[in-house]
Amino acid sequence: MTDDSDATAAPDPDDYVARLQAEIDAVKARRAGYRAEAAETVARGGPPRPTDEELGIITTDDTIGKIAADASQEIGSGLRRLTSRLRRGRKN
């Protein structure tokens, strides 16, 4: 029989600590990068303001008055076409 104690041996604590320290160092480096980006953004005066369209703000062209005016114009145009056809029909 062979000795399987090597295969099931506990990991070396120094290796484990070294891996954890490497992860901590990587996280600290990432955090430093985020902080540098934030400092640059603050130095520029903050993030750019989104446009009204990006925010979903209704523009003046979409107001109830504009919609009503457009509808009125369409109805008037339709009535003019209808009366024009009716006049042509009477002349024949």
C-alpha atoms as a PDB file:
ATOM      1  CA  MET A   1       0.000   0.000   0.000  1.00  0.00           C
ATOM      2  CA  THR A   2       1.167   3.511  -0.782  1.00  0.00           C
ATOM      3  CA  ASP A   3       1.127   6.464   1.560  1.00  0.00           C
ATOM      4  CA  ASP A   4      -1.676   8.878   0.462  1.00  0.00           C
ATOM      5  CA  SER A   5      -0.899  11.440   3.142  1.00  0.00           C
ATOM      6  CA  ASP A   6       0.804  13.698   0.546  1.00  0.00           C
ATOM      7  CA  ALA A   7      -2.367  13.907  -1.599  1.00  0.00           C
ATOM      8  CA  THR A   8      -4.605  14.844   1.334  1.00  0.00           C
ATOM      9  CA  ALA A   9      -2.105  17.046   3.119  1.00  0.00           C
ATOM     10  CA  ALA A  10      -3.297  20.454   4.230  1.00  0.00           C
ATOM     11  CA  PRO A  11      -2.177  23.357   2.041  1.00  0.00           C
ATOM     12  CA  ASP A  12       0.864  25.257   3.138  1.00  0.00           C
ATOM     13  CA  PRO A  13      -0.294  28.192   5.325  1.00  0.00           C
ATOM     14  CA  ASP A  14       2.389  30.452   3.833  1.00  0.00           C
ATOM     15  CA  ASP A  15       1.080  29.791   0.298  1.00  0.00           C
ATOM     16  CA  TYR A  16      -2.476  30.461   1.446  1.00  0.00           C
ATOM     17  CA  VAL A  17      -1.486  33.735   3.095  1.00  0.00           C
ATOM     18  CA  ALA A  18       0.472  34.745  -0.014  1.00  0.00           C
ATOM     19  CA  ARG A  19      -2.569  34.109  -2.253  1.00  0.00           C
ATOM     20  CA  LEU A  20      -4.810  36.118   0.069  1.00  0.00           C
ATOM     21  CA  GLN A  21      -2.290  38.961   0.152  1.00  0.00           C
ATOM     22  CA  ALA A  22      -2.137  38.965  -3.664  1.00  0.00           C
ATOM     23  CA  GLU A  23      -5.941  39.222  -3.826  1.00  0.00           C
ATOM     24  CA  ILE A  24      -5.923  42.075  -1.300  1.00  0.00           C
ATOM     25  CA  ASP A  25      -3.238  43.907  -3.275  1.00  0.00           C
ATOM     26  CA  ALA A  26      -5.246  43.513  -6.506  1.00  0.00           C
ATOM     27  CA  VAL A  27      -8.386  44.880  -4.853  1.00  0.00           C
ATOM     28  CA  LYS A  28      -6.453  47.825  -3.415  1.00  0.00           C
ATOM     29  CA  ALA A  29      -5.029  48.619  -6.857  1.00  0.00           C
ATOM     30  CA  ARG A  30      -8.507  48.489  -8.421  1.00  0.00           C
ATOM     31  CA  ARG A  31      -9.874  50.751  -5.672  1.00  0.00           C
ATOM     32  CA  ALA A  32      -7.035  53.233  -6.240  1.00  0.00           C
ATOM     33  CA  GLY A  33      -7.953  53.314  -9.935  1.00  0.00           C
ATOM     34  CA  TYR A  34     -11.609  54.010  -9.126  1.00  0.00           C
ATOM     35  CA  ARG A  35     -10.597  56.780  -6.745  1.00  0.00           C
ATOM     36  CA  ALA A  36      -8.385  58.359  -9.419  1.00  0.00           C
ATOM     37  CA  GLU A  37     -11.279  58.266 -11.907  1.00  0.00           C
ATOM     38  CA  ALA A  38     -13.577  59.861  -9.330  1.00  0.00           C
ATOM     39  CA  ALA A  39     -11.030  62.592  -8.609  1.00  0.00           C
ATOM     40  CA  GLU A  40     -10.737  63.350 -12.351  1.00  0.00           C
ATOM     41  CA  THR A  41     -14.527  63.539 -12.649  1.00  0.00           C
ATOM     42  CA  VAL A  42     -14.733  65.953  -9.719  1.00  0.00           C
ATOM     43  CA  ALA A  43     -11.916  68.052 -11.199  1.00  0.00           C
ATOM     44  CA  ARG A  44     -13.883  68.346 -14.459  1.00  0.00           C
ATOM     45  CA  GLY A  45     -16.913  69.593 -12.540  1.00  0.00           C
ATOM     46  CA  GLY A  46     -18.798  66.350 -12.240  1.00  0.00           C
ATOM     47  CA  PRO A  47     -20.244  63.923 -14.731  1.00  0.00           C
ATOM     48  CA  PRO A  48     -21.820  65.342 -17.894  1.00  0.00           C
ATOM     49  CA  ARG A  49     -25.503  66.151 -17.516  1.00  0.00           C
ATOM     50  CA  PRO A  50     -27.767  63.843 -19.521  1.00  0.00           C
ATOM     51  CA  THR A  51     -29.878  65.445 -22.215  1.00  0.00           C
ATOM     52  CA  ASP A  52     -33.597  66.010 -21.702  1.00  0.00           C
ATOM     53  CA  GLU A  53     -34.325  63.232 -24.176  1.00  0.00           C
ATOM     54  CA  GLU A  54     -32.132  60.807 -22.205  1.00  0.00           C
ATOM     55  CA  LEU A  55     -34.014  61.756 -19.046  1.00  0.00           C
ATOM     56  CA  GLY A  56     -37.373  61.280 -20.761  1.00  0.00           C
ATOM     57  CA  ILE A  57     -38.450  64.876 -20.241  1.00  0.00           C
ATOM     58  CA  ILE A  58     -41.327  65.912 -22.471  1.00  0.00           C
ATOM     59  CA  THR A  59     -40.362  68.607 -24.934  1.00  0.00           C
ATOM     60  CA  THR A  60     -42.623  71.493 -25.896  1.00  0.00           C
ATOM     61  CA  ASP A  61     -43.459  69.758 -29.185  1.00  0.00           C
ATOM     62  CA  ASP A  62     -45.132  66.965 -27.212  1.00  0.00           C
ATOM     63  CA  THR A  63     -47.436  69.134 -25.118  1.00  0.00           C
ATOM     64  CA  ILE A  64     -51.197  68.738 -25.144  1.00  0.00           C
ATOM     65  CA  GLY A  65     -51.577  72.078 -26.936  1.00  0.00           C
ATOM     66  CA  LYS A  66     -49.287  70.993 -29.759  1.00  0.00           C
ATOM     67  CA  ILE A  67     -51.042  67.638 -30.079  1.00  0.00           C
ATOM     68  CA  ALA A  68     -54.443  69.378 -30.161  1.00  0.00           C
ATOM     69  CA  ALA A  69     -53.198  71.857 -32.780  1.00  0.00           C
ATOM     70  CA  ASP A  70     -51.897  69.023 -34.956  1.00  0.00           C
ATOM     71  CA  ALA A  71     -55.201  67.154 -34.623  1.00  0.00           C
ATOM     72  CA  SER A  72     -57.150  70.294 -35.487  1.00  0.00           C
ATOM     73  CA  GLN A  73     -54.989  70.841 -38.558  1.00  0.00           C
ATOM     74  CA  GLU A  74     -55.524  67.250 -39.712  1.00  0.00           C
ATOM     75  CA  ILE A  75     -59.285  67.478 -39.208  1.00  0.00           C
ATOM     76  CA  GLY A  76     -59.422  70.774 -41.093  1.00  0.00           C
ATOM     77  CA  SER A  77     -57.397  69.331 -43.951  1.00  0.00           C
ATOM     78  CA  GLY A  78     -59.697  66.326 -44.144  1.00  0.00           C
ATOM     79  CA  LEU A  79     -62.795  68.511 -44.148  1.00  0.00           C
ATOM     80  CA  ARG A  80     -61.380  70.675 -46.955  1.00  0.00           C
ATOM     81  CA  ARG A  81     -60.693  67.583 -49.074  1.00  0.00           C
ATOM     82  CA  LEU A  82     -64.194  66.270 -48.393  1.00  0.00           C
ATOM     83  CA  THR A  83     -65.914  69.549 -49.301  1.00  0.00           C
ATOM     84  CA  SER A  84     -63.773  69.789 -52.432  1.00  0.00           C
ATOM     85  CA  ARG A  85     -64.946  66.344 -53.540  1.00  0.00           C
ATOM     86  CA  LEU A  86     -68.542  67.193 -52.771  1.00  0.00           C
ATOM     87  CA  ARG A  87     -68.341  70.383 -54.857  1.00  0.00           C
ATOM     88  CA  ARG A  88     -66.871  68.494 -57.792  1.00  0.00           C
ATOM     89  CA  GLY A  89     -69.654  65.921 -57.508  1.00  0.00           C
ATOM     90  CA  ARG A  90     -72.392  68.610 -57.760  1.00  0.00           C
ATOM     91  CA  LYS A  91     -70.893  70.176 -60.889  1.00  0.00           C
ATOM     92  CA  ASN A  92     -71.175  66.937 -62.913  1.00  0.00           C
END
